[in-house]
């Protein structure tokens, strides 16, 4: 069974790592594996996308929103009858 950690806990460990603590010391003191903490650090590390700073978490949320919008657009297309008589479907 995997352990679920709160976002506040993850953020605290990320901050400690960014302040210079090693993954090993954080694992020994707080419990999560080095791999888990490394993933949290990676997710919180900002990257530049078209001149804007975004985290991996931000990008994943935007991808989900984009997928939902694409599905909604397809449903609107199908409901409005644009595809009737079309050879696409």
N, C-alpha and C. Protein backbone atom coordinates (compact mmCIF):
# COMPACT_ATOMS: atom_id res chain seq x y z
N UNK A 1 0.84 -1.18 0.00
CA UNK A 1 0.00 0.00 0.00
C UNK A 1 0.89 1.25 0.00
N UNK A 2 0.61 2.15 -0.89
CA UNK A 2 1.41 3.37 -0.96
C UNK A 2 0.87 4.42 0.02
N UNK A 3 1.79 5.26 0.47
CA UNK A 3 1.44 6.32 1.41
C UNK A 3 1.15 7.59 0.63
N UNK A 4 0.07 8.26 0.98
CA UNK A 4 -0.29 9.55 0.36
C UNK A 4 0.22 10.67 1.24
N UNK A 5 0.97 11.59 0.63
CA UNK A 5 1.48 12.74 1.36
C UNK A 5 0.71 13.98 0.92
N UNK A 6 0.48 14.89 1.85
CA UNK A 6 -0.23 16.13 1.53
C UNK A 6 0.65 17.01 0.65
N UNK A 7 0.01 17.89 -0.09
CA UNK A 7 0.75 18.81 -0.96
C UNK A 7 1.63 19.73 -0.13
N UNK A 8 1.16 20.14 1.04
CA UNK A 8 1.96 21.00 1.93
C UNK A 8 3.24 20.29 2.36
N UNK A 9 3.13 19.00 2.67
CA UNK A 9 4.29 18.21 3.07
C UNK A 9 5.29 18.13 1.91
N UNK A 10 4.78 17.82 0.72
CA UNK A 10 5.65 17.74 -0.47
C UNK A 10 6.34 19.07 -0.72
N UNK A 11 5.55 20.14 -0.66
CA UNK A 11 6.11 21.48 -0.90
C UNK A 11 7.20 21.82 0.12
N UNK A 12 7.01 21.40 1.36
CA UNK A 12 8.01 21.65 2.40
C UNK A 12 9.32 20.94 2.09
N UNK A 13 9.22 19.68 1.66
CA UNK A 13 10.43 18.93 1.33
C UNK A 13 11.12 19.50 0.09
N UNK A 14 10.34 19.93 -0.88
CA UNK A 14 10.90 20.56 -2.08
C UNK A 14 11.67 21.82 -1.68
N UNK A 15 11.07 22.62 -0.82
CA UNK A 15 11.72 23.85 -0.38
C UNK A 15 13.03 23.55 0.36
N UNK A 16 13.00 22.55 1.23
CA UNK A 16 14.22 22.17 1.95
C UNK A 16 15.31 21.72 0.98
N UNK A 17 14.91 20.95 -0.04
CA UNK A 17 15.88 20.50 -1.04
C UNK A 17 16.45 21.69 -1.82
N UNK A 18 15.59 22.61 -2.18
CA UNK A 18 16.04 23.79 -2.92
C UNK A 18 16.96 24.67 -2.06
N UNK A 19 16.82 24.56 -0.75
CA UNK A 19 17.69 25.31 0.16
C UNK A 19 19.01 24.58 0.44
N UNK A 20 19.18 23.40 -0.16
CA UNK A 20 20.46 22.71 -0.04
C UNK A 20 20.47 21.36 0.63
N UNK A 21 19.35 20.93 1.17
CA UNK A 21 19.30 19.61 1.81
C UNK A 21 19.38 18.52 0.75
N UNK A 22 20.08 17.45 1.05
CA UNK A 22 20.20 16.34 0.10
C UNK A 22 18.94 15.47 0.15
N UNK A 23 18.71 14.75 -0.94
CA UNK A 23 17.58 13.83 -0.98
C UNK A 23 17.73 12.77 0.11
N UNK A 24 18.97 12.30 0.30
CA UNK A 24 19.22 11.28 1.31
C UNK A 24 18.85 11.77 2.71
N UNK A 25 19.25 13.00 3.06
CA UNK A 25 18.95 13.50 4.40
C UNK A 25 17.45 13.70 4.60
N UNK A 26 16.76 14.14 3.54
CA UNK A 26 15.31 14.32 3.63
C UNK A 26 14.60 12.98 3.79
N UNK A 27 15.08 11.97 3.07
CA UNK A 27 14.51 10.63 3.19
C UNK A 27 14.70 10.08 4.60
N UNK A 28 15.90 10.24 5.13
CA UNK A 28 16.19 9.72 6.47
C UNK A 28 15.37 10.43 7.55
N UNK A 29 15.17 11.73 7.38
CA UNK A 29 14.46 12.49 8.42
C UNK A 29 12.94 12.38 8.30
N UNK A 30 12.42 12.38 7.05
CA UNK A 30 10.96 12.50 6.88
C UNK A 30 10.27 11.23 6.34
N UNK A 31 11.04 10.31 5.73
CA UNK A 31 10.43 9.04 5.34
C UNK A 31 10.21 8.74 3.87
N UNK A 32 9.75 9.69 3.04
CA UNK A 32 9.52 9.34 1.65
C UNK A 32 10.82 8.93 0.95
N UNK A 33 10.70 8.12 -0.07
CA UNK A 33 11.89 7.66 -0.80
C UNK A 33 12.56 8.82 -1.54
N UNK A 34 13.84 8.62 -1.85
CA UNK A 34 14.57 9.63 -2.62
C UNK A 34 13.91 9.84 -3.98
N UNK A 35 13.43 8.75 -4.58
CA UNK A 35 12.77 8.86 -5.88
C UNK A 35 11.51 9.72 -5.81
N UNK A 36 10.72 9.53 -4.75
CA UNK A 36 9.50 10.34 -4.60
C UNK A 36 9.84 11.82 -4.46
N UNK A 37 10.81 12.11 -3.61
CA UNK A 37 11.18 13.51 -3.41
C UNK A 37 11.74 14.11 -4.70
N UNK A 38 12.54 13.32 -5.43
CA UNK A 38 13.10 13.81 -6.69
C UNK A 38 12.00 14.13 -7.69
N UNK A 39 10.94 13.33 -7.72
CA UNK A 39 9.80 13.59 -8.61
C UNK A 39 9.12 14.89 -8.19
N UNK A 40 8.92 15.08 -6.90
CA UNK A 40 8.27 16.31 -6.41
C UNK A 40 9.10 17.53 -6.77
N UNK A 41 10.43 17.41 -6.64
CA UNK A 41 11.32 18.52 -7.00
C UNK A 41 11.20 18.82 -8.48
N UNK A 42 11.20 17.78 -9.30
CA UNK A 42 11.09 17.96 -10.75
C UNK A 42 9.77 18.63 -11.12
N UNK A 43 8.70 18.20 -10.48
CA UNK A 43 7.38 18.77 -10.76
C UNK A 43 7.31 20.24 -10.36
N UNK A 44 8.07 20.63 -9.36
CA UNK A 44 8.03 22.01 -8.86
C UNK A 44 9.05 22.93 -9.53
N UNK A 45 9.95 22.35 -10.33
CA UNK A 45 10.99 23.15 -10.96
C UNK A 45 10.42 23.87 -12.16
N UNK A 46 10.49 25.20 -12.18
CA UNK A 46 9.92 25.96 -13.29
C UNK A 46 10.75 25.83 -14.57
N UNK A 47 10.04 25.86 -15.70
CA UNK A 47 10.66 25.90 -17.02
C UNK A 47 10.06 27.07 -17.78
N UNK A 48 10.79 27.58 -18.74
CA UNK A 48 10.29 28.69 -19.55
C UNK A 48 9.56 28.15 -20.78
N UNK A 49 8.32 28.56 -20.95
CA UNK A 49 7.53 28.19 -22.12
C UNK A 49 6.98 29.46 -22.72
N UNK A 50 7.44 29.78 -23.92
CA UNK A 50 7.05 31.00 -24.61
C UNK A 50 7.16 32.22 -23.70
N UNK A 51 8.30 32.30 -23.00
CA UNK A 51 8.56 33.47 -22.17
C UNK A 51 7.88 33.47 -20.82
N UNK A 52 7.15 32.41 -20.49
CA UNK A 52 6.46 32.33 -19.20
C UNK A 52 7.03 31.18 -18.38
N UNK A 53 7.16 31.39 -17.10
CA UNK A 53 7.66 30.36 -16.20
C UNK A 53 6.50 29.45 -15.79
N UNK A 54 6.64 28.17 -16.07
CA UNK A 54 5.62 27.17 -15.73
C UNK A 54 6.28 25.98 -15.08
N UNK A 55 5.57 25.33 -14.15
CA UNK A 55 6.05 24.09 -13.56
C UNK A 55 5.45 22.92 -14.34
N UNK A 56 6.03 21.74 -14.16
CA UNK A 56 5.49 20.55 -14.81
C UNK A 56 4.04 20.33 -14.40
N UNK A 57 3.73 20.63 -13.15
CA UNK A 57 2.35 20.50 -12.65
C UNK A 57 1.42 21.44 -13.42
N UNK A 58 1.88 22.69 -13.66
CA UNK A 58 1.08 23.64 -14.44
C UNK A 58 0.82 23.11 -15.85
N UNK A 59 1.86 22.56 -16.46
CA UNK A 59 1.75 22.05 -17.83
C UNK A 59 0.76 20.89 -17.88
N UNK A 60 0.84 19.98 -16.91
CA UNK A 60 -0.09 18.84 -16.86
C UNK A 60 -1.54 19.32 -16.72
N UNK A 61 -1.77 20.34 -15.87
CA UNK A 61 -3.11 20.88 -15.70
C UNK A 61 -3.61 21.51 -17.00
N UNK A 62 -2.73 22.22 -17.70
CA UNK A 62 -3.12 22.83 -18.98
C UNK A 62 -3.42 21.77 -20.02
N UNK A 63 -2.65 20.68 -20.03
CA UNK A 63 -2.92 19.59 -20.97
C UNK A 63 -4.29 18.97 -20.71
N UNK A 64 -4.63 18.78 -19.45
CA UNK A 64 -5.95 18.22 -19.11
C UNK A 64 -7.07 19.14 -19.58
N UNK A 65 -6.90 20.46 -19.32
CA UNK A 65 -7.91 21.43 -19.75
C UNK A 65 -8.05 21.43 -21.27
N UNK A 66 -6.93 21.34 -21.98
CA UNK A 66 -6.96 21.33 -23.43
C UNK A 66 -7.69 20.08 -23.95
N UNK A 67 -7.44 18.93 -23.33
CA UNK A 67 -8.11 17.70 -23.73
C UNK A 67 -9.62 17.81 -23.52
N UNK A 68 -10.02 18.39 -22.39
CA UNK A 68 -11.46 18.57 -22.11
C UNK A 68 -12.08 19.49 -23.14
N UNK A 69 -11.41 20.58 -23.47
CA UNK A 69 -11.93 21.51 -24.48
C UNK A 69 -12.03 20.86 -25.85
N UNK A 70 -11.07 20.01 -26.20
CA UNK A 70 -11.11 19.32 -27.48
C UNK A 70 -12.31 18.38 -27.53
N UNK A 71 -12.57 17.66 -26.45
CA UNK A 71 -13.72 16.76 -26.40
C UNK A 71 -15.02 17.54 -26.51
N UNK A 72 -15.09 18.67 -25.80
CA UNK A 72 -16.30 19.50 -25.88
C UNK A 72 -16.51 20.03 -27.30
N UNK A 73 -15.43 20.42 -27.97
CA UNK A 73 -15.55 20.92 -29.35
C UNK A 73 -16.05 19.82 -30.27
N UNK A 74 -15.58 18.60 -30.09
CA UNK A 74 -16.03 17.48 -30.92
C UNK A 74 -17.51 17.22 -30.67
N UNK A 75 -17.93 17.26 -29.41
CA UNK A 75 -19.34 17.03 -29.09
C UNK A 75 -20.23 18.10 -29.70
N UNK A 76 -19.80 19.36 -29.65
CA UNK A 76 -20.57 20.44 -30.26
C UNK A 76 -20.67 20.21 -31.76
N UNK A 77 -19.56 19.83 -32.37
CA UNK A 77 -19.54 19.55 -33.81
C UNK A 77 -20.53 18.45 -34.16
N UNK A 78 -20.53 17.39 -33.38
CA UNK A 78 -21.42 16.26 -33.66
C UNK A 78 -22.89 16.63 -33.40
N UNK A 79 -23.15 17.40 -32.37
CA UNK A 79 -24.53 17.76 -32.03
C UNK A 79 -25.15 18.74 -33.02
N UNK A 80 -24.33 19.59 -33.61
CA UNK A 80 -24.87 20.61 -34.51
C UNK A 80 -25.16 20.07 -35.89
N UNK A 81 -24.77 18.85 -36.17
CA UNK A 81 -25.10 18.24 -37.44
C UNK A 81 -24.15 18.56 -38.57
N UNK A 82 -23.03 19.19 -38.28
CA UNK A 82 -22.07 19.50 -39.32
C UNK A 82 -21.54 18.27 -40.01
N UNK A 83 -21.57 17.15 -39.32
CA UNK A 83 -21.00 15.94 -39.89
C UNK A 83 -22.02 15.14 -40.70
N UNK A 84 -23.30 15.53 -40.70
CA UNK A 84 -24.31 14.79 -41.43
C UNK A 84 -24.03 14.90 -42.92
N UNK A 85 -23.99 13.78 -43.58
CA UNK A 85 -23.72 13.76 -45.00
C UNK A 85 -22.24 13.86 -45.33
N UNK A 86 -21.43 13.98 -44.33
CA UNK A 86 -20.00 14.09 -44.53
C UNK A 86 -19.40 12.71 -44.67
N UNK A 87 -18.33 12.62 -45.46
CA UNK A 87 -17.65 11.34 -45.64
C UNK A 87 -16.61 11.13 -44.55
N UNK A 88 -16.46 12.11 -43.65
CA UNK A 88 -15.49 11.98 -42.57
C UNK A 88 -15.90 10.88 -41.61
N UNK A 89 -17.17 10.82 -41.27
CA UNK A 89 -17.65 9.80 -40.35
C UNK A 89 -18.20 8.69 -41.15
